[in-house]
Amino acid sequence: MSERAPKTPLTGGSMVASRVIAVPAGQIATIVTCLEMTAPPAPSVPVKSALKLERWTAPFDLARYRALFRAIGQPWLWRGRLVLDDEALAATLSAPGLEVHVAKRRDGTPQGLLELDFSGEGQCELAYFGLVPELTGRGHGAWLMGHALKRAWKDGTSRVWVHTCDLDHPGALGFYQRHGFRPYERLVEIYEDPRSSGIYPPDTAPAVPLL
């Protein structure tokens, strides 16, 4: 990885250093925004949905879980759970403090995923939150978030946090802010492009060039 620090002129002739990092071929870079809330949101009228939420517990059907993860995350290049082998994935999903909830249609077809991680003392991370693409923008996200916050803010929780990135749905950042999360940190993450490693086909997410 190479790095250079050109100088960018500002008004008045002052200069400020900036950094440009070359991303190697086969990898991808994304800007990550971390958001938090440190108090429960004000009570609101529950949002209705034809979906129902069900908690999945061990032993997990890993093939079914991966299929749902892909169905939700492929357009946004989600990869976190897909780089794990069976043993590691089973251990991750069964870890103390992790809750896996699935939003289902009435016929039982999984349509959404909610993972809450309580492993940090007094904290809950919305580790994964999403719906299959055809359900976005139809109010189901607000319904799922209502359930997420209700479960996250249990006794002993003093902070709930989540992160999103510029590869996610373009409305994700605004969605979290509308539900009470406040941005507090920005990061740059570089990792192997899941299309390069064969996790997703090369033509996935065409708006993000595969190099």
C-alpha atoms as a PDB file:
ATOM      1  CA  MET A   1       0.000   0.000   0.000  1.00  0.00           C
ATOM      2  CA  SER A   2       1.444   3.357  -0.988  1.00  0.00           C
ATOM      3  CA  GLU A   3       0.631   6.704   0.546  1.00  0.00           C
ATOM      4  CA  ARG A   4       1.291  10.273  -0.456  1.00  0.00           C
ATOM      5  CA  ALA A   5       0.394  13.548   1.249  1.00  0.00           C
ATOM      6  CA  PRO A   6      -0.165  16.346  -1.257  1.00  0.00           C
ATOM      7  CA  LYS A   7      -0.781  19.897  -0.181  1.00  0.00           C
ATOM      8  CA  THR A   8      -4.130  21.516  -0.904  1.00  0.00           C
ATOM      9  CA  PRO A   9      -4.294  25.346  -0.977  1.00  0.00           C
ATOM     10  CA  LEU A  10      -7.034  27.052   1.030  1.00  0.00           C
ATOM     11  CA  THR A  11      -8.477  30.554   0.835  1.00  0.00           C
ATOM     12  CA  GLY A  12      -5.927  33.111   1.897  1.00  0.00           C
ATOM     13  CA  GLY A  13      -2.970  31.055   0.754  1.00  0.00           C
ATOM     14  CA  SER A  14      -2.833  28.714   3.774  1.00  0.00           C
ATOM     15  CA  MET A  15      -2.085  25.035   3.231  1.00  0.00           C
ATOM     16  CA  VAL A  16      -3.432  21.875   4.816  1.00  0.00           C
ATOM     17  CA  ALA A  17      -2.016  18.382   4.553  1.00  0.00           C
ATOM     18  CA  SER A  18      -4.204  15.611   3.209  1.00  0.00           C
ATOM     19  CA  ARG A  19      -3.535  11.948   2.649  1.00  0.00           C
ATOM     20  CA  VAL A  20      -4.363   9.811  -0.342  1.00  0.00           C
ATOM     21  CA  ILE A  21      -4.069   6.061   0.109  1.00  0.00           C
ATOM     22  CA  ALA A  22      -3.826   3.795  -2.907  1.00  0.00           C
ATOM     23  CA  VAL A  23      -6.192   0.835  -2.593  1.00  0.00           C
ATOM     24  CA  PRO A  24      -4.626  -2.320  -4.065  1.00  0.00           C
ATOM     25  CA  ALA A  25      -6.402  -4.134  -6.877  1.00  0.00           C
ATOM     26  CA  GLY A  26      -8.797  -6.745  -5.524  1.00  0.00           C
ATOM     27  CA  GLN A  27      -9.532  -4.703  -2.406  1.00  0.00           C
ATOM     28  CA  ILE A  28     -12.145  -2.092  -1.668  1.00  0.00           C
ATOM     29  CA  ALA A  29     -12.278   0.996   0.539  1.00  0.00           C
ATOM     30  CA  THR A  30     -15.306   2.392   2.307  1.00  0.00           C
ATOM     31  CA  ILE A  31     -16.088   5.261   4.652  1.00  0.00           C
ATOM     32  CA  VAL A  32     -17.684   3.973   7.859  1.00  0.00           C
ATOM     33  CA  THR A  33     -19.862   6.167  10.062  1.00  0.00           C
ATOM     34  CA  CYS A  34     -20.467   5.089  13.664  1.00  0.00           C
ATOM     35  CA  LEU A  35     -23.635   6.280  15.388  1.00  0.00           C
ATOM     36  CA  GLU A  36     -24.924   5.992  18.937  1.00  0.00           C
ATOM     37  CA  MET A  37     -27.738   6.853  21.298  1.00  0.00           C
ATOM     38  CA  THR A  38     -27.164   7.150  25.031  1.00  0.00           C
ATOM     39  CA  ALA A  39     -30.778   7.279  26.182  1.00  0.00           C
ATOM     40  CA  PRO A  40     -33.894   5.438  25.033  1.00  0.00           C
ATOM     41  CA  PRO A  41     -35.933   7.258  22.389  1.00  0.00           C
ATOM     42  CA  ALA A  42     -39.250   8.846  23.332  1.00  0.00           C
ATOM     43  CA  PRO A  43     -42.224   6.484  23.123  1.00  0.00           C
ATOM     44  CA  SER A  44     -43.922   6.482  19.738  1.00  0.00           C
ATOM     45  CA  VAL A  45     -46.830   4.821  18.009  1.00  0.00           C
ATOM     46  CA  PRO A  46     -45.708   1.319  16.958  1.00  0.00           C
ATOM     47  CA  VAL A  47     -45.322   0.859  13.205  1.00  0.00           C
ATOM     48  CA  LYS A  48     -47.328  -2.019  11.780  1.00  0.00           C
ATOM     49  CA  SER A  49     -46.064  -4.603   9.321  1.00  0.00           C
ATOM     50  CA  ALA A  50     -47.260  -7.846   7.814  1.00  0.00           C
ATOM     51  CA  LEU A  51     -43.945  -9.347   8.886  1.00  0.00           C
ATOM     52  CA  LYS A  52     -43.376 -11.058  12.195  1.00  0.00           C
ATOM     53  CA  LEU A  53     -40.163 -11.280  14.183  1.00  0.00           C
ATOM     54  CA  GLU A  54     -38.785 -14.597  15.357  1.00  0.00           C
ATOM     55  CA  ARG A  55     -35.655 -15.270  17.382  1.00  0.00           C
ATOM     56  CA  TRP A  56     -33.327 -17.922  15.988  1.00  0.00           C
ATOM     57  CA  THR A  57     -31.283 -19.906  18.508  1.00  0.00           C
ATOM     58  CA  ALA A  58     -28.639 -22.618  18.355  1.00  0.00           C
ATOM     59  CA  PRO A  59     -28.226 -25.008  16.691  1.00  0.00           C
ATOM     60  CA  PHE A  60     -28.380 -22.737  13.646  1.00  0.00           C
ATOM     61  CA  ASP A  61     -29.215 -23.820  10.129  1.00  0.00           C
ATOM     62  CA  LEU A  62     -26.107 -22.235   8.631  1.00  0.00           C
ATOM     63  CA  ALA A  63     -27.185 -22.662   5.011  1.00  0.00           C
ATOM     64  CA  ARG A  64     -30.472 -20.913   5.732  1.00  0.00           C
ATOM     65  CA  TYR A  65     -28.714 -18.146   7.619  1.00  0.00           C
ATOM     66  CA  ARG A  66     -26.194 -17.561   4.831  1.00  0.00           C
ATOM     67  CA  ALA A  67     -28.963 -17.517   2.215  1.00  0.00           C
ATOM     68  CA  LEU A  68     -30.770 -14.763   4.126  1.00  0.00           C
ATOM     69  CA  PHE A  69     -27.538 -12.837   4.707  1.00  0.00           C
ATOM     70  CA  ARG A  70     -26.837 -12.919   0.973  1.00  0.00           C
ATOM     71  CA  ALA A  71     -30.374 -11.996   0.002  1.00  0.00           C
ATOM     72  CA  ILE A  72     -30.183  -8.880   2.162  1.00  0.00           C
ATOM     73  CA  GLY A  73     -26.558  -7.921   1.792  1.00  0.00           C
ATOM     74  CA  GLN A  74     -25.484  -8.742  -1.758  1.00  0.00           C
ATOM     75  CA  PRO A  75     -26.460  -5.355  -3.287  1.00  0.00           C
ATOM     76  CA  TRP A  76     -24.405  -3.642  -0.548  1.00  0.00           C
ATOM     77  CA  LEU A  77     -21.475  -6.094  -0.636  1.00  0.00           C
ATOM     78  CA  TRP A  78     -22.026  -7.400   2.903  1.00  0.00           C
ATOM     79  CA  ARG A  79     -19.352  -9.954   3.638  1.00  0.00           C
ATOM     80  CA  GLY A  80     -18.803 -10.224   7.404  1.00  0.00           C
ATOM     81  CA  ARG A  81     -20.523 -13.541   8.025  1.00  0.00           C
ATOM     82  CA  LEU A  82     -19.734 -15.015   4.609  1.00  0.00           C
ATOM     83  CA  VAL A  83     -15.964 -15.126   5.160  1.00  0.00           C
ATOM     84  CA  LEU A  84     -16.438 -17.498   8.128  1.00  0.00           C
ATOM     85  CA  ASP A  85     -16.325 -21.277   7.807  1.00  0.00           C
ATOM     86  CA  ASP A  86     -19.042 -23.402   9.397  1.00  0.00           C
ATOM     87  CA  GLU A  87     -17.287 -23.773  12.721  1.00  0.00           C
ATOM     88  CA  ALA A  88     -16.496 -20.081  13.066  1.00  0.00           C
ATOM     89  CA  LEU A  89     -19.965 -18.993  11.952  1.00  0.00           C
ATOM     90  CA  ALA A  90     -21.703 -21.359  14.366  1.00  0.00           C
ATOM     91  CA  ALA A  91     -19.498 -20.118  17.207  1.00  0.00           C
ATOM     92  CA  THR A  92     -20.163 -16.479  16.294  1.00  0.00           C
ATOM     93  CA  LEU A  93     -23.927 -16.870  16.140  1.00  0.00           C
ATOM     94  CA  SER A  94     -23.962 -18.873  19.391  1.00  0.00           C
ATOM     95  CA  ALA A  95     -21.723 -16.445  21.291  1.00  0.00           C
ATOM     96  CA  PRO A  96     -22.983 -15.248  24.669  1.00  0.00           C
ATOM     97  CA  GLY A  97     -24.715 -11.910  24.365  1.00  0.00           C
ATOM     98  CA  LEU A  98     -25.655 -12.227  20.691  1.00  0.00           C
ATOM     99  CA  GLU A  99     -29.321 -12.334  19.722  1.00  0.00           C
ATOM    100  CA  VAL A 100     -30.326 -13.295  16.181  1.00  0.00           C
ATOM    101  CA  HIS A 101     -33.832 -12.258  15.114  1.00  0.00           C
ATOM    102  CA  VAL A 102     -35.384 -12.882  11.714  1.00  0.00           C
ATOM    103  CA  ALA A 103     -38.316 -11.026  10.139  1.00  0.00           C
ATOM    104  CA  LYS A 104     -40.592 -13.447   8.306  1.00  0.00           C
ATOM    105  CA  ARG A 105     -43.563 -13.313   5.986  1.00  0.00           C
ATOM    106  CA  ARG A 106     -46.688 -15.123   7.082  1.00  0.00           C
ATOM    107  CA  ASP A 107     -45.655 -18.129   5.007  1.00  0.00           C
ATOM    108  CA  GLY A 108     -42.414 -18.325   7.013  1.00  0.00           C
ATOM    109  CA  THR A 109     -40.071 -16.952   4.334  1.00  0.00           C
ATOM    110  CA  PRO A 110     -37.225 -14.972   5.971  1.00  0.00           C
ATOM    111  CA  GLN A 111     -37.160 -11.348   4.791  1.00  0.00           C
ATOM    112  CA  GLY A 112     -35.086  -9.454   7.319  1.00  0.00           C
ATOM    113  CA  LEU A 113     -32.262  -9.845   9.809  1.00  0.00           C
ATOM    114  CA  LEU A 114     -31.631  -8.201  13.170  1.00  0.00           C
ATOM    115  CA  GLU A 115     -28.617  -9.095  15.276  1.00  0.00           C
ATOM    116  CA  LEU A 116     -28.119  -7.496  18.687  1.00  0.00           C
ATOM    117  CA  ASP A 117     -24.734  -7.819  20.378  1.00  0.00           C
ATOM    118  CA  PHE A 118     -24.758  -7.284  24.150  1.00  0.00           C
ATOM    119  CA  SER A 119     -21.154  -8.418  24.683  1.00  0.00           C
ATOM    120  CA  GLY A 120     -19.984  -4.927  25.676  1.00  0.00           C
ATOM    121  CA  GLU A 121     -20.830  -4.076  29.279  1.00  0.00           C
ATOM    122  CA  GLY A 122     -23.853  -1.781  29.348  1.00  0.00           C
ATOM    123  CA  GLN A 123     -23.886  -1.600  25.562  1.00  0.00           C
ATOM    124  CA  CYS A 124     -25.821  -3.038  22.676  1.00  0.00           C
ATOM    125  CA  GLU A 125     -24.595  -2.987  19.094  1.00  0.00           C
ATOM    126  CA  LEU A 126     -26.979  -3.366  16.184  1.00  0.00           C
ATOM    127  CA  ALA A 127     -24.520  -5.736  14.565  1.00  0.00           C
ATOM    128  CA  TYR A 128     -26.687  -6.455  11.512  1.00  0.00           C
ATOM    129  CA  PHE A 129     -29.922  -4.789  10.471  1.00  0.00           C
ATOM    130  CA  GLY A 130     -31.524  -5.180   7.072  1.00  0.00           C
ATOM    131  CA  LEU A 131     -34.336  -6.310   4.814  1.00  0.00           C
ATOM    132  CA  VAL A 132     -34.372  -7.932   1.395  1.00  0.00           C
ATOM    133  CA  PRO A 133     -34.175  -5.178  -1.252  1.00  0.00           C
ATOM    134  CA  GLU A 134     -37.769  -5.515  -2.451  1.00  0.00           C
ATOM    135  CA  LEU A 135     -39.070  -4.537   1.016  1.00  0.00           C
ATOM    136  CA  THR A 136     -37.021  -1.378   1.504  1.00  0.00           C
ATOM    137  CA  GLY A 137     -38.849   1.934   1.377  1.00  0.00           C
ATOM    138  CA  ARG A 138     -42.186   0.407   2.377  1.00  0.00           C
ATOM    139  CA  GLY A 139     -42.198   1.065   6.129  1.00  0.00           C
ATOM    140  CA  HIS A 140     -40.874  -2.337   7.192  1.00  0.00           C
ATOM    141  CA  GLY A 141     -37.535  -0.820   8.195  1.00  0.00           C
ATOM    142  CA  ALA A 142     -39.207   1.468  10.735  1.00  0.00           C
ATOM    143  CA  TRP A 143     -41.123  -1.532  12.073  1.00  0.00           C
ATOM    144  CA  LEU A 144     -37.910  -3.531  12.430  1.00  0.00           C
ATOM    145  CA  MET A 145     -36.127  -0.623  14.091  1.00  0.00           C
ATOM    146  CA  GLY A 146     -38.948  -0.312  16.605  1.00  0.00           C
ATOM    147  CA  HIS A 147     -38.398  -3.935  17.599  1.00  0.00           C
ATOM    148  CA  ALA A 148     -34.626  -3.448  17.616  1.00  0.00           C
ATOM    149  CA  LEU A 149     -34.725  -0.514  20.020  1.00  0.00           C
ATOM    150  CA  LYS A 150     -37.304  -2.150  22.243  1.00  0.00           C
ATOM    151  CA  ARG A 151     -35.011  -5.157  22.676  1.00  0.00           C
ATOM    152  CA  ALA A 152     -31.771  -3.179  22.836  1.00  0.00           C
ATOM    153  CA  TRP A 153     -32.898  -0.888  25.660  1.00  0.00           C
ATOM    154  CA  LYS A 154     -33.328  -3.480  28.338  1.00  0.00           C
ATOM    155  CA  ASP A 155     -32.254  -3.189  31.973  1.00  0.00           C
ATOM    156  CA  GLY A 156     -28.569  -2.350  32.216  1.00  0.00           C
ATOM    157  CA  THR A 157     -28.202  -0.869  28.729  1.00  0.00           C
ATOM    158  CA  SER A 158     -26.749   2.652  28.729  1.00  0.00           C
ATOM    159  CA  ARG A 159     -25.655   2.904  25.084  1.00  0.00           C
ATOM    160  CA  VAL A 160     -26.872   1.526  21.759  1.00  0.00           C
ATOM    161  CA  TRP A 161     -24.703   1.909  18.688  1.00  0.00           C
ATOM    162  CA  VAL A 162     -24.548   0.960  15.047  1.00  0.00           C
ATOM    163  CA  HIS A 163     -22.306   1.593  12.079  1.00  0.00           C
ATOM    164  CA  THR A 164     -23.019   2.014   8.412  1.00  0.00           C
ATOM    165  CA  CYS A 165     -20.861   2.785   5.386  1.00  0.00           C
ATOM    166  CA  ASP A 166     -21.047   4.383   1.952  1.00  0.00           C
ATOM    167  CA  LEU A 167     -21.532   0.951   0.354  1.00  0.00           C
ATOM    168  CA  ASP A 168     -24.821   0.473   2.221  1.00  0.00           C
ATOM    169  CA  HIS A 169     -28.237   1.607   1.026  1.00  0.00           C
ATOM    170  CA  PRO A 170     -27.956   5.362   0.285  1.00  0.00           C
ATOM    171  CA  GLY A 171     -30.737   6.062   2.770  1.00  0.00           C
ATOM    172  CA  ALA A 172     -29.163   4.117   5.648  1.00  0.00           C
ATOM    173  CA  LEU A 173     -27.372   6.988   7.365  1.00  0.00           C
ATOM    174  CA  GLY A 174     -30.428   9.251   7.324  1.00  0.00           C
ATOM    175  CA  PHE A 175     -32.614   6.379   8.496  1.00  0.00           C
ATOM    176  CA  TYR A 176     -30.510   5.815  11.607  1.00  0.00           C
ATOM    177  CA  GLN A 177     -30.417   9.511  12.389  1.00  0.00           C
ATOM    178  CA  ARG A 178     -34.188   9.821  12.066  1.00  0.00           C
ATOM    179  CA  HIS A 179     -34.515   7.081  14.652  1.00  0.00           C
ATOM    180  CA  GLY A 180     -32.380   8.898  17.189  1.00  0.00           C
ATOM    181  CA  PHE A 181     -28.802   7.822  16.482  1.00  0.00           C
ATOM    182  CA  ARG A 182     -26.096  10.490  16.507  1.00  0.00           C
ATOM    183  CA  PRO A 183     -22.918  10.179  14.414  1.00  0.00           C
ATOM    184  CA  TYR A 184     -19.781  10.260  16.565  1.00  0.00           C
ATOM    185  CA  GLU A 185     -16.916   8.777  14.528  1.00  0.00           C
ATOM    186  CA  ARG A 186     -15.842   8.300  10.916  1.00  0.00           C
ATOM    187  CA  LEU A 187     -13.405   5.600   9.756  1.00  0.00           C
ATOM    188  CA  VAL A 188     -11.937   4.337   6.504  1.00  0.00           C
ATOM    189  CA  GLU A 189     -11.913   0.562   6.100  1.00  0.00           C
ATOM    190  CA  ILE A 190      -9.994  -1.355   3.425  1.00  0.00           C
ATOM    191  CA  TYR A 191     -10.549  -5.072   2.892  1.00  0.00           C
ATOM    192  CA  GLU A 192     -10.676  -7.733   0.222  1.00  0.00           C
ATOM    193  CA  ASP A 193     -13.455  -7.042  -2.257  1.00  0.00           C
ATOM    194  CA  PRO A 194     -15.975  -9.906  -1.843  1.00  0.00           C
ATOM    195  CA  ARG A 195     -16.313 -10.039  -5.633  1.00  0.00           C
ATOM    196  CA  SER A 196     -12.582 -10.649  -6.012  1.00  0.00           C
ATOM    197  CA  SER A 197     -12.717 -13.549  -3.567  1.00  0.00           C
ATOM    198  CA  GLY A 198     -15.729 -15.122  -5.297  1.00  0.00           C
ATOM    199  CA  ILE A 199     -18.245 -14.454  -2.519  1.00  0.00           C
ATOM    200  CA  TYR A 200     -20.362 -12.481  -4.988  1.00  0.00           C
ATOM    201  CA  PRO A 201     -20.402 -12.439  -8.803  1.00  0.00           C
ATOM    202  CA  PRO A 202     -18.215  -9.781 -10.482  1.00  0.00           C
ATOM    203  CA  ASP A 203     -21.280  -7.874 -11.748  1.00  0.00           C
ATOM    204  CA  THR A 204     -22.661  -7.340  -8.203  1.00  0.00           C
ATOM    205  CA  ALA A 205     -23.047  -3.680  -7.173  1.00  0.00           C
ATOM    206  CA  PRO A 206     -22.156  -2.276 -10.616  1.00  0.00           C
ATOM    207  CA  ALA A 207     -22.044   1.269  -9.247  1.00  0.00           C
ATOM    208  CA  VAL A 208     -18.920   0.263  -7.287  1.00  0.00           C
ATOM    209  CA  PRO A 209     -16.112  -0.547  -9.757  1.00  0.00           C
ATOM    210  CA  LEU A 210     -14.323  -3.852  -9.288  1.00  0.00           C
ATOM    211  CA  LEU A 211     -10.595  -3.224  -9.714  1.00  0.00           C
END
